């Protein structure tokens, strides 16, 4: 008797396997070049070394933090209407000279959108892949230090050590803790939380 039949000729239908899907991320960045390059390449690295693909959709819109949150919510609604919503939505913004940051943080919190904020700017997270820095620093000094590592015209060099994100997170943790997200100390960055979420997602997913 066939495995797919029982007495009386009735067939046994095989249970359908649940389809394993990958967690879906939307990462909206204030910067239009450096940040999207970083997250696109980091996602590719995690995909190459992991069983699961981490789907990251970086969007650089080059505006203030409040506009970044607004754009993130717009894209989240759009994707939800299409029936394939994002599992996590993140906004990546800088502190320097942004009066709308407190409002952006409140709106993001109300909407359930995560914020990855760097002070003075995203480049401090990049620098931590190479060296430790706990003293106050401005964007000009960051540009100079990263220039020694091959950065030019806001492009991430091809040999950037993406695999050192754990080391960068440790160096970020060594700095003064972030008590108020809209007023983080210099230097600081919560990008480590976003990266940690991406790393966790590569080994898991959602089922349907």
N, C-alpha and C. Protein backbone atom coordinates (compact mmCIF):
# COMPACT_ATOMS: atom_id res chain seq x y z
N UNK A 1 0.84 -1.20 0.00
CA UNK A 1 0.00 0.00 0.00
C UNK A 1 0.88 1.25 0.00
N UNK A 2 0.52 2.19 -0.83
CA UNK A 2 1.30 3.42 -0.94
C UNK A 2 1.21 4.21 0.36
N UNK A 3 2.27 4.95 0.63
CA UNK A 3 2.28 5.80 1.82
C UNK A 3 1.21 6.87 1.75
N UNK A 4 0.80 7.17 0.53
CA UNK A 4 -0.16 8.25 0.36
C UNK A 4 -1.59 7.74 0.32
N UNK A 5 -1.81 6.42 0.62
CA UNK A 5 -3.15 5.87 0.59
C UNK A 5 -3.44 5.10 1.87
N UNK A 6 -4.71 5.02 2.23
CA UNK A 6 -5.18 4.19 3.33
C UNK A 6 -6.28 3.30 2.79
N UNK A 7 -6.85 2.43 3.66
CA UNK A 7 -7.90 1.53 3.20
C UNK A 7 -9.05 2.33 2.58
N UNK A 8 -9.61 1.77 1.53
CA UNK A 8 -10.72 2.44 0.87
C UNK A 8 -10.25 3.37 -0.23
N UNK A 9 -8.93 3.41 -0.44
CA UNK A 9 -8.41 4.22 -1.54
C UNK A 9 -8.28 5.70 -1.25
N UNK A 10 -8.57 6.11 -0.01
CA UNK A 10 -8.46 7.52 0.32
C UNK A 10 -7.00 7.94 0.38
N UNK A 11 -6.73 9.11 -0.11
CA UNK A 11 -5.37 9.61 -0.12
C UNK A 11 -5.09 10.46 1.11
N UNK A 12 -3.88 10.33 1.55
CA UNK A 12 -3.43 11.18 2.67
C UNK A 12 -2.68 12.35 2.09
N UNK A 13 -3.15 13.52 2.35
CA UNK A 13 -2.45 14.70 1.83
C UNK A 13 -1.29 15.03 2.75
N UNK A 14 -0.14 15.26 2.13
CA UNK A 14 1.06 15.58 2.92
C UNK A 14 0.89 16.98 3.51
N UNK A 15 1.23 17.14 4.77
CA UNK A 15 1.14 18.48 5.35
C UNK A 15 2.08 19.44 4.64
N UNK A 16 1.56 20.62 4.36
CA UNK A 16 2.37 21.62 3.68
C UNK A 16 3.40 22.19 4.64
N UNK A 17 4.60 22.24 4.19
CA UNK A 17 5.66 22.83 5.02
C UNK A 17 5.46 24.33 5.12
N UNK A 18 5.69 24.86 6.29
CA UNK A 18 5.58 26.31 6.46
C UNK A 18 6.75 26.98 5.79
N UNK A 19 6.43 28.00 5.04
CA UNK A 19 7.47 28.68 4.27
C UNK A 19 8.24 29.63 5.18
N UNK A 20 9.54 29.46 5.19
CA UNK A 20 10.39 30.31 6.00
C UNK A 20 10.73 31.58 5.23
N UNK A 21 10.41 32.71 5.79
CA UNK A 21 10.71 33.98 5.16
C UNK A 21 11.75 34.70 6.01
N UNK A 22 12.34 35.69 5.42
CA UNK A 22 13.36 36.46 6.11
C UNK A 22 12.75 37.74 6.69
N UNK A 23 13.24 38.13 7.84
CA UNK A 23 12.78 39.39 8.42
C UNK A 23 13.10 40.52 7.47
N UNK A 24 12.18 41.41 7.37
CA UNK A 24 12.28 42.49 6.38
C UNK A 24 12.51 43.82 7.09
N UNK A 25 13.55 44.51 6.69
CA UNK A 25 13.93 45.77 7.32
C UNK A 25 13.78 46.93 6.34
N UNK A 26 13.35 48.05 6.88
CA UNK A 26 13.42 49.32 6.15
C UNK A 26 14.36 50.22 6.93
N UNK A 27 15.42 50.67 6.29
CA UNK A 27 16.38 51.58 6.92
C UNK A 27 16.39 52.87 6.11
N UNK A 28 15.84 53.92 6.68
CA UNK A 28 15.78 55.22 6.01
C UNK A 28 16.86 56.11 6.60
N UNK A 29 17.74 56.61 5.76
CA UNK A 29 18.88 57.39 6.25
C UNK A 29 18.78 58.84 5.83
N UNK A 30 19.31 59.68 6.68
CA UNK A 30 19.38 61.11 6.37
C UNK A 30 20.41 61.37 5.28
N UNK A 31 21.52 60.66 5.35
CA UNK A 31 22.56 60.81 4.33
C UNK A 31 22.17 60.09 3.05
N UNK A 32 22.67 60.58 1.93
CA UNK A 32 22.30 60.00 0.64
C UNK A 32 23.38 59.09 0.06
N UNK A 33 24.57 59.06 0.66
CA UNK A 33 25.64 58.25 0.09
C UNK A 33 26.28 57.32 1.11
N UNK A 34 26.92 57.89 2.12
CA UNK A 34 27.70 57.07 3.06
C UNK A 34 26.83 56.03 3.77
N UNK A 35 25.73 56.47 4.37
CA UNK A 35 24.90 55.55 5.14
C UNK A 35 24.28 54.45 4.27
N UNK A 36 23.65 54.80 3.12
CA UNK A 36 23.11 53.71 2.28
C UNK A 36 24.19 52.73 1.84
N UNK A 37 25.37 53.23 1.49
CA UNK A 37 26.46 52.34 1.08
C UNK A 37 26.81 51.38 2.22
N UNK A 38 26.91 51.92 3.42
CA UNK A 38 27.29 51.08 4.56
C UNK A 38 26.27 49.96 4.78
N UNK A 39 25.00 50.31 4.85
CA UNK A 39 23.99 49.30 5.16
C UNK A 39 23.76 48.31 4.02
N UNK A 40 23.87 48.77 2.79
CA UNK A 40 23.76 47.85 1.65
C UNK A 40 24.89 46.81 1.69
N UNK A 41 26.10 47.28 1.93
CA UNK A 41 27.24 46.37 1.95
C UNK A 41 27.25 45.47 3.18
N UNK A 42 26.82 46.01 4.31
CA UNK A 42 26.72 45.18 5.51
C UNK A 42 25.69 44.07 5.31
N UNK A 43 24.56 44.41 4.70
CA UNK A 43 23.53 43.41 4.42
C UNK A 43 24.07 42.33 3.51
N UNK A 44 24.85 42.73 2.52
CA UNK A 44 25.44 41.76 1.60
C UNK A 44 26.40 40.84 2.34
N UNK A 45 27.17 41.39 3.27
CA UNK A 45 28.09 40.58 4.06
C UNK A 45 27.34 39.56 4.90
N UNK A 46 26.30 39.98 5.55
CA UNK A 46 25.52 39.07 6.39
C UNK A 46 24.85 37.99 5.55
N UNK A 47 24.43 38.35 4.39
CA UNK A 47 23.82 37.38 3.48
C UNK A 47 24.84 36.33 3.07
N UNK A 48 26.05 36.76 2.79
CA UNK A 48 27.09 35.83 2.32
C UNK A 48 27.50 34.84 3.39
N UNK A 49 27.40 35.23 4.66
CA UNK A 49 27.90 34.38 5.73
C UNK A 49 26.79 33.73 6.55
N UNK A 50 25.56 33.97 6.19
CA UNK A 50 24.46 33.46 7.00
C UNK A 50 23.56 32.56 6.18
N UNK A 51 22.78 31.76 6.89
CA UNK A 51 21.82 30.88 6.23
C UNK A 51 20.67 31.70 5.69
N UNK A 52 20.26 32.67 6.44
CA UNK A 52 19.14 33.52 6.05
C UNK A 52 19.64 34.83 5.44
N UNK A 53 18.84 35.35 4.53
CA UNK A 53 19.17 36.64 3.93
C UNK A 53 18.55 37.73 4.79
N UNK A 54 19.30 38.75 5.06
CA UNK A 54 18.76 39.92 5.76
C UNK A 54 18.37 40.93 4.69
N UNK A 55 17.10 41.18 4.59
CA UNK A 55 16.63 42.12 3.58
C UNK A 55 16.64 43.53 4.15
N UNK A 56 17.46 44.37 3.60
CA UNK A 56 17.57 45.75 4.05
C UNK A 56 17.28 46.66 2.88
N UNK A 57 16.49 47.66 3.12
CA UNK A 57 16.13 48.60 2.06
C UNK A 57 16.57 49.99 2.50
N UNK A 58 17.83 50.37 2.25
CA UNK A 58 18.28 51.69 2.65
C UNK A 58 17.73 52.75 1.71
N UNK A 59 17.29 53.84 2.27
CA UNK A 59 16.75 54.94 1.47
C UNK A 59 17.40 56.22 1.95
N UNK A 60 18.20 56.86 1.12
CA UNK A 60 18.81 58.13 1.50
C UNK A 60 18.00 59.28 0.97
N UNK A 61 17.48 60.12 1.85
CA UNK A 61 16.62 61.21 1.38
C UNK A 61 17.21 62.59 1.67
N UNK A 62 18.30 62.66 2.42
CA UNK A 62 19.02 63.91 2.58
C UNK A 62 18.23 65.04 3.18
N UNK A 63 17.47 64.79 4.23
CA UNK A 63 16.68 65.83 4.86
C UNK A 63 16.90 65.82 6.36
N UNK A 64 16.11 66.63 7.07
CA UNK A 64 16.25 66.69 8.52
C UNK A 64 15.59 65.47 9.16
N UNK A 65 15.86 65.21 10.45
CA UNK A 65 15.33 64.01 11.11
C UNK A 65 13.82 63.86 11.04
N UNK A 66 13.08 64.96 11.19
CA UNK A 66 11.61 64.85 11.14
C UNK A 66 11.15 64.37 9.77
N UNK A 67 11.80 64.83 8.72
CA UNK A 67 11.44 64.39 7.37
C UNK A 67 11.81 62.93 7.15
N UNK A 68 12.89 62.49 7.78
CA UNK A 68 13.29 61.09 7.67
C UNK A 68 12.22 60.19 8.29
N UNK A 69 11.73 60.57 9.46
CA UNK A 69 10.68 59.79 10.13
C UNK A 69 9.41 59.79 9.29
N UNK A 70 9.07 60.92 8.73
CA UNK A 70 7.87 61.02 7.89
C UNK A 70 7.98 60.11 6.68
N UNK A 71 9.15 60.09 6.05
CA UNK A 71 9.36 59.24 4.88
C UNK A 71 9.32 57.76 5.27
N UNK A 72 9.87 57.44 6.42
CA UNK A 72 9.85 56.05 6.88
C UNK A 72 8.42 55.57 7.09
N UNK A 73 7.60 56.40 7.70
CA UNK A 73 6.20 56.02 7.93
C UNK A 73 5.45 55.90 6.61
N UNK A 74 5.72 56.79 5.66
CA UNK A 74 5.06 56.72 4.35
C UNK A 74 5.37 55.40 3.65
N UNK A 75 6.64 55.03 3.66
CA UNK A 75 7.05 53.79 3.00
C UNK A 75 6.53 52.56 3.75
N UNK A 76 6.45 52.66 5.06
CA UNK A 76 5.92 51.54 5.82
C UNK A 76 4.45 51.30 5.49
N UNK A 77 3.66 52.39 5.42
CA UNK A 77 2.25 52.26 5.05
C UNK A 77 2.10 51.69 3.65
N UNK A 78 2.93 52.16 2.75
CA UNK A 78 2.88 51.70 1.37
C UNK A 78 3.14 50.20 1.28
N UNK A 79 4.14 49.74 2.01
CA UNK A 79 4.49 48.33 1.97
C UNK A 79 3.42 47.48 2.65
N UNK A 80 2.82 48.02 3.69
CA UNK A 80 1.76 47.30 4.41
C UNK A 80 0.54 47.10 3.51
N UNK A 81 0.23 48.12 2.72
CA UNK A 81 -0.90 48.00 1.79
C UNK A 81 -0.64 46.92 0.75
N UNK A 82 0.62 46.73 0.41
CA UNK A 82 0.97 45.71 -0.57
C UNK A 82 0.95 44.30 -0.01
N UNK A 83 0.72 44.17 1.29
CA UNK A 83 0.60 42.85 1.90
C UNK A 83 1.89 42.23 2.37
N UNK A 84 3.00 42.97 2.30
CA UNK A 84 4.29 42.41 2.75
C UNK A 84 4.97 43.45 3.64
N UNK A 85 4.46 43.65 4.85
CA UNK A 85 4.97 44.73 5.70
C UNK A 85 6.38 44.49 6.21
N UNK A 86 7.02 45.58 6.59
CA UNK A 86 8.35 45.50 7.19
C UNK A 86 8.22 44.99 8.62
N UNK A 87 9.17 44.18 9.03
CA UNK A 87 9.21 43.72 10.42
C UNK A 87 9.81 44.79 11.33
N UNK A 88 10.78 45.52 10.82
CA UNK A 88 11.41 46.59 11.59
C UNK A 88 11.66 47.79 10.68
N UNK A 89 11.40 48.96 11.22
CA UNK A 89 11.65 50.21 10.49
C UNK A 89 12.59 51.07 11.32
N UNK A 90 13.67 51.50 10.70
CA UNK A 90 14.69 52.29 11.38
C UNK A 90 14.96 53.59 10.63
N UNK A 91 15.22 54.65 11.39
CA UNK A 91 15.68 55.92 10.84
C UNK A 91 17.09 56.17 11.35
N UNK A 92 17.99 56.51 10.44
CA UNK A 92 19.39 56.77 10.79
C UNK A 92 19.66 58.25 10.59
N UNK A 93 19.91 58.97 11.69
CA UNK A 93 20.07 60.42 11.61
C UNK A 93 21.26 60.88 12.46
N UNK A 94 21.66 62.12 12.22
CA UNK A 94 22.75 62.75 12.96
C UNK A 94 22.20 63.77 13.94
N UNK A 95 23.03 64.14 14.90
CA UNK A 95 22.66 65.16 15.87
C UNK A 95 22.94 66.56 15.34
N UNK A 96 24.06 66.73 14.67
CA UNK A 96 24.60 68.07 14.43
C UNK A 96 23.61 69.07 13.83
N UNK A 97 23.35 70.09 14.65
CA UNK A 97 22.59 71.27 14.25
C UNK A 97 21.17 70.99 13.80
N UNK A 98 20.54 69.98 14.33
CA UNK A 98 19.17 69.68 13.93
C UNK A 98 18.19 70.05 15.03
N UNK A 99 17.42 71.10 14.80
CA UNK A 99 16.44 71.53 15.79
C UNK A 99 15.22 70.62 15.80
N UNK A 100 15.02 69.84 14.75
CA UNK A 100 13.83 68.99 14.68
C UNK A 100 14.05 67.62 15.32
N UNK A 101 15.24 67.35 15.85
CA UNK A 101 15.52 66.02 16.39
C UNK A 101 14.59 65.63 17.54
N UNK A 102 14.34 66.52 18.54
CA UNK A 102 13.42 66.12 19.61
C UNK A 102 12.03 65.75 19.08
N UNK A 103 11.52 66.54 18.15
CA UNK A 103 10.20 66.23 17.58
C UNK A 103 10.23 64.92 16.81
N UNK A 104 11.32 64.71 16.07
CA UNK A 104 11.46 63.47 15.29
C UNK A 104 11.47 62.25 16.21
N UNK A 105 12.17 62.36 17.34
CA UNK A 105 12.24 61.24 18.29
C UNK A 105 10.87 60.92 18.86
N UNK A 106 10.11 61.97 19.19
CA UNK A 106 8.77 61.75 19.74
C UNK A 106 7.86 61.11 18.70
N UNK A 107 7.89 61.62 17.47
CA UNK A 107 7.04 61.06 16.43
C UNK A 107 7.39 59.60 16.15
N UNK A 108 8.69 59.31 16.11
CA UNK A 108 9.12 57.93 15.86
C UNK A 108 8.65 57.01 16.98
N UNK A 109 8.77 57.47 18.21
CA UNK A 109 8.34 56.66 19.35
C UNK A 109 6.83 56.38 19.26
N UNK A 110 6.06 57.40 18.92
CA UNK A 110 4.60 57.24 18.81
C UNK A 110 4.22 56.28 17.68
N UNK A 111 5.03 56.25 16.64
CA UNK A 111 4.74 55.41 15.47
C UNK A 111 5.34 54.01 15.57
N UNK A 112 6.16 53.78 16.59
CA UNK A 112 6.81 52.48 16.71
C UNK A 112 7.97 52.31 15.75
N UNK A 113 8.61 53.42 15.41
CA UNK A 113 9.77 53.41 14.52
C UNK A 113 11.03 53.59 15.36
N UNK A 114 12.05 52.81 15.07
CA UNK A 114 13.30 52.88 15.83
C UNK A 114 14.19 53.99 15.27
N UNK A 115 14.97 54.61 16.17
CA UNK A 115 15.90 55.66 15.77
C UNK A 115 17.33 55.21 16.07
N UNK A 116 18.21 55.40 15.10
CA UNK A 116 19.65 55.17 15.28
C UNK A 116 20.32 56.53 15.11
N UNK A 117 20.73 57.12 16.22
CA UNK A 117 21.22 58.50 16.23
C UNK A 117 22.70 58.52 16.57
N UNK A 118 23.45 59.32 15.82
CA UNK A 118 24.89 59.45 16.05
C UNK A 118 25.25 60.89 16.37
N UNK A 119 26.18 61.06 17.28
CA UNK A 119 26.70 62.38 17.63
C UNK A 119 28.22 62.37 17.55
N UNK A 120 28.83 63.26 16.77
CA UNK A 120 28.15 64.35 16.06
C UNK A 120 27.48 63.91 14.76
N UNK A 121 27.91 62.78 14.19
CA UNK A 121 27.36 62.31 12.92
C UNK A 121 27.67 60.83 12.72
N UNK A 122 27.11 60.25 11.68
CA UNK A 122 27.24 58.82 11.41
C UNK A 122 28.69 58.37 11.30
N UNK A 123 29.55 59.28 10.87
CA UNK A 123 30.95 58.92 10.66
C UNK A 123 31.66 58.44 11.92
N UNK A 124 31.13 58.79 13.11
CA UNK A 124 31.77 58.29 14.34
C UNK A 124 31.62 56.77 14.41
N UNK A 125 30.50 56.25 13.95
CA UNK A 125 30.30 54.80 13.92
C UNK A 125 31.31 54.15 12.97
N UNK A 126 31.57 54.79 11.86
CA UNK A 126 32.55 54.25 10.90
C UNK A 126 33.95 54.27 11.50
N UNK A 127 34.29 55.36 12.18
CA UNK A 127 35.63 55.47 12.78
C UNK A 127 35.87 54.36 13.79
N UNK A 128 34.84 53.99 14.54
CA UNK A 128 34.99 52.96 15.56
C UNK A 128 35.32 51.59 14.97
N UNK A 129 35.16 51.42 13.68
CA UNK A 129 35.60 50.17 13.04
C UNK A 129 37.13 50.10 12.97
N UNK A 130 37.77 51.27 13.12
CA UNK A 130 39.23 51.35 13.00
C UNK A 130 39.93 51.62 14.33
N UNK A 131 39.35 52.48 15.15
CA UNK A 131 40.02 52.90 16.38
C UNK A 131 39.02 53.35 17.42
N UNK A 132 39.48 53.41 18.66
CA UNK A 132 38.65 53.87 19.76
C UNK A 132 38.66 55.39 19.81
N UNK A 133 37.53 55.96 20.20
CA UNK A 133 37.46 57.41 20.39
C UNK A 133 36.37 57.69 21.41
N UNK A 134 36.76 58.24 22.56
CA UNK A 134 35.80 58.58 23.60
C UNK A 134 35.77 60.07 23.90
N UNK A 135 36.73 60.82 23.36
CA UNK A 135 36.77 62.27 23.58
C UNK A 135 35.89 62.99 22.56
N UNK A 136 35.46 64.18 22.93
CA UNK A 136 34.64 65.02 22.05
C UNK A 136 35.30 65.16 20.69
N UNK A 137 34.49 65.17 19.64
CA UNK A 137 35.03 65.27 18.28
C UNK A 137 34.00 65.96 17.40
N UNK A 138 34.47 66.70 16.40
CA UNK A 138 33.53 67.33 15.47
C UNK A 138 33.61 66.66 14.10
N UNK A 139 32.71 67.06 13.22
CA UNK A 139 32.62 66.42 11.90
C UNK A 139 33.89 66.62 11.09
N UNK A 140 34.53 67.77 11.25
CA UNK A 140 35.75 68.04 10.50
C UNK A 140 36.88 67.09 10.88
N UNK A 141 37.03 66.84 12.18
CA UNK A 141 38.07 65.92 12.64
C UNK A 141 37.76 64.49 12.20
N UNK A 142 36.49 64.14 12.23
CA UNK A 142 36.11 62.81 11.77
C UNK A 142 36.46 62.62 10.30
N UNK A 143 36.19 63.63 9.51
CA UNK A 143 36.51 63.56 8.08
C UNK A 143 38.01 63.37 7.88
N UNK A 144 38.80 64.08 8.68
CA UNK A 144 40.26 63.97 8.56
C UNK A 144 40.74 62.57 8.93
N UNK A 145 40.22 62.04 10.04
CA UNK A 145 40.65 60.72 10.49
C UNK A 145 40.21 59.61 9.52
N UNK A 146 39.01 59.74 8.99
CA UNK A 146 38.54 58.73 8.04
C UNK A 146 39.26 58.85 6.70
N UNK A 147 39.72 60.06 6.40
CA UNK A 147 40.50 60.23 5.17
C UNK A 147 41.76 59.39 5.19
N UNK A 148 42.31 59.19 6.38
CA UNK A 148 43.50 58.35 6.51
C UNK A 148 43.17 56.87 6.24
N UNK A 149 41.89 56.54 6.33
CA UNK A 149 41.46 55.15 6.12
C UNK A 149 40.90 54.92 4.71
N UNK A 150 41.08 55.91 3.84
CA UNK A 150 40.66 55.73 2.46
C UNK A 150 39.32 56.32 2.09
N UNK A 151 38.69 57.04 3.00
CA UNK A 151 37.41 57.67 2.68
C UNK A 151 37.64 58.92 1.83
N UNK A 152 36.78 59.10 0.83
CA UNK A 152 36.85 60.28 -0.03
C UNK A 152 35.47 60.58 -0.59
N UNK A 153 35.09 61.85 -0.54
CA UNK A 153 33.81 62.29 -1.13
C UNK A 153 32.62 61.49 -0.61
N UNK A 154 32.63 61.20 0.68
CA UNK A 154 31.53 60.49 1.34
C UNK A 154 31.27 59.09 0.80
N UNK A 155 32.24 58.52 0.14
CA UNK A 155 32.13 57.14 -0.33
C UNK A 155 32.86 56.20 0.63
N UNK A 156 32.24 55.08 0.94
CA UNK A 156 32.88 54.08 1.79
C UNK A 156 33.87 53.29 0.94
N UNK A 157 35.14 53.20 1.36
CA UNK A 157 36.13 52.47 0.55
C UNK A 157 35.78 51.00 0.40
N UNK A 158 36.22 50.41 -0.70
CA UNK A 158 35.89 49.01 -0.99
C UNK A 158 36.43 48.04 0.06
N UNK A 159 37.54 48.41 0.68
CA UNK A 159 38.14 47.50 1.67
C UNK A 159 37.70 47.81 3.10
N UNK A 160 36.58 48.50 3.25
CA UNK A 160 36.10 48.84 4.60
C UNK A 160 35.83 47.56 5.39
N UNK A 161 36.26 47.52 6.66
CA UNK A 161 36.13 46.29 7.47
C UNK A 161 34.74 46.13 8.10
N UNK A 162 33.75 45.82 7.28
CA UNK A 162 32.38 45.66 7.79
C UNK A 162 32.30 44.61 8.90
N UNK A 163 33.14 43.61 8.81
CA UNK A 163 33.12 42.54 9.81
C UNK A 163 33.51 42.98 11.20
N UNK A 164 34.02 44.20 11.33
CA UNK A 164 34.43 44.71 12.65
C UNK A 164 33.30 45.45 13.35
N UNK A 165 32.06 45.21 12.93
CA UNK A 165 30.94 45.92 13.55
C UNK A 165 30.83 45.59 15.04
N UNK A 166 31.22 44.40 15.44
CA UNK A 166 31.20 44.05 16.86
C UNK A 166 32.20 44.86 17.65
N UNK A 167 33.36 45.08 17.06
CA UNK A 167 34.39 45.90 17.70
C UNK A 167 33.91 47.34 17.81
N UNK A 168 33.26 47.82 16.77
CA UNK A 168 32.72 49.19 16.78
C UNK A 168 31.67 49.33 17.88
N UNK A 169 30.84 48.31 18.05
CA UNK A 169 29.81 48.36 19.08
C UNK A 169 30.43 48.42 20.47
N UNK A 170 31.51 47.68 20.66
CA UNK A 170 32.20 47.71 21.94
C UNK A 170 32.79 49.08 22.24
N UNK A 171 33.32 49.72 21.21
CA UNK A 171 33.89 51.06 21.39
C UNK A 171 32.79 52.08 21.64
N UNK A 172 31.64 51.89 21.02
CA UNK A 172 30.51 52.78 21.28
C UNK A 172 30.04 52.64 22.73
N UNK A 173 30.04 51.41 23.23
CA UNK A 173 29.59 51.15 24.60
C UNK A 173 30.53 51.75 25.63
N UNK A 174 31.79 51.98 25.24
CA UNK A 174 32.77 52.54 26.16
C UNK A 174 32.58 54.04 26.37
N UNK A 175 31.74 54.66 25.54
CA UNK A 175 31.50 56.10 25.66
C UNK A 175 30.41 56.38 26.68
N UNK A 176 30.21 57.65 26.95
CA UNK A 176 29.17 58.05 27.90
C UNK A 176 27.83 57.52 27.44
N UNK A 177 27.03 56.93 28.34
CA UNK A 177 25.75 56.34 27.92
C UNK A 177 24.76 57.38 27.43
N UNK A 178 23.87 56.95 26.55
CA UNK A 178 22.84 57.83 26.00
C UNK A 178 21.63 57.78 26.94
N UNK A 179 21.37 58.88 27.62
CA UNK A 179 20.24 58.96 28.55
C UNK A 179 19.00 59.49 27.84
N UNK A 180 19.18 60.59 27.12
CA UNK A 180 18.09 61.20 26.36
C UNK A 180 18.40 61.06 24.87
N UNK A 181 17.64 60.25 24.13
CA UNK A 181 17.94 60.00 22.71
C UNK A 181 18.06 61.27 21.87
N UNK A 182 17.28 62.31 22.21
CA UNK A 182 17.32 63.53 21.40
C UNK A 182 18.47 64.45 21.81
N UNK A 183 19.19 64.10 22.89
CA UNK A 183 20.35 64.88 23.31
C UNK A 183 21.50 63.95 23.66
N UNK A 184 21.95 63.13 22.73
CA UNK A 184 23.01 62.17 23.04
C UNK A 184 24.35 62.87 23.23
N UNK A 185 25.22 62.32 24.06
CA UNK A 185 26.54 62.92 24.28
C UNK A 185 27.43 62.77 23.06
N UNK A 186 28.47 63.55 23.02
CA UNK A 186 29.46 63.49 21.94
C UNK A 186 30.75 62.89 22.51
N UNK A 187 31.25 61.77 21.93
CA UNK A 187 30.67 61.00 20.82
C UNK A 187 29.73 59.91 21.33
N UNK A 188 28.79 59.55 20.48
CA UNK A 188 27.90 58.43 20.79
C UNK A 188 27.19 58.00 19.51
N UNK A 189 26.65 56.79 19.54
CA UNK A 189 25.86 56.31 18.40
C UNK A 189 25.05 55.10 18.83
N UNK A 190 23.78 55.11 18.45
CA UNK A 190 22.92 53.94 18.70
C UNK A 190 22.78 53.09 17.45
N UNK A 191 23.63 53.33 16.45
CA UNK A 191 23.64 52.49 15.25
C UNK A 191 23.94 51.04 15.64
N UNK A 192 24.68 50.86 16.73
CA UNK A 192 24.99 49.50 17.18
C UNK A 192 23.73 48.68 17.41
N UNK A 193 22.66 49.31 17.86
CA UNK A 193 21.41 48.58 18.10
C UNK A 193 20.80 48.10 16.79
N UNK A 194 20.86 48.93 15.77
CA UNK A 194 20.37 48.54 14.45
C UNK A 194 21.19 47.39 13.88
N UNK A 195 22.50 47.52 13.96
CA UNK A 195 23.38 46.47 13.43
C UNK A 195 23.15 45.15 14.18
N UNK A 196 22.98 45.23 15.50
CA UNK A 196 22.73 44.03 16.29
C UNK A 196 21.44 43.36 15.86
N UNK A 197 20.44 44.15 15.53
CA UNK A 197 19.16 43.60 15.08
C UNK A 197 19.32 42.89 13.74
N UNK A 198 20.11 43.47 12.85
CA UNK A 198 20.37 42.84 11.56
C UNK A 198 21.12 41.52 11.73
N UNK A 199 22.08 41.52 12.63
CA UNK A 199 22.87 40.31 12.87
C UNK A 199 21.98 39.21 13.45
N UNK A 200 21.10 39.57 14.39
CA UNK A 200 20.19 38.57 14.96
C UNK A 200 19.25 38.01 13.90
N UNK A 201 18.80 38.86 13.00
CA UNK A 201 17.82 38.44 11.99
C UNK A 201 18.39 37.46 10.99
N UNK A 202 19.69 37.48 10.79
CA UNK A 202 20.26 36.60 9.78
C UNK A 202 20.12 35.13 10.16
N UNK A 203 19.91 34.86 11.43
CA UNK A 203 19.78 33.47 11.85
C UNK A 203 18.36 33.07 12.14
N UNK A 204 17.43 33.96 11.85
CA UNK A 204 16.03 33.64 12.12
C UNK A 204 15.15 34.24 11.06
N UNK A 205 13.88 34.15 11.26
CA UNK A 205 12.99 34.70 10.25
C UNK A 205 11.56 34.66 10.73
N UNK A 206 10.67 34.79 9.79
CA UNK A 206 9.25 34.69 10.11
C UNK A 206 8.68 33.57 9.27
N UNK A 207 7.67 32.92 9.73
CA UNK A 207 7.09 31.81 9.00
C UNK A 207 5.69 32.15 8.55
N UNK A 208 5.29 31.56 7.45
CA UNK A 208 3.94 31.79 6.95
C UNK A 208 3.44 30.53 6.30
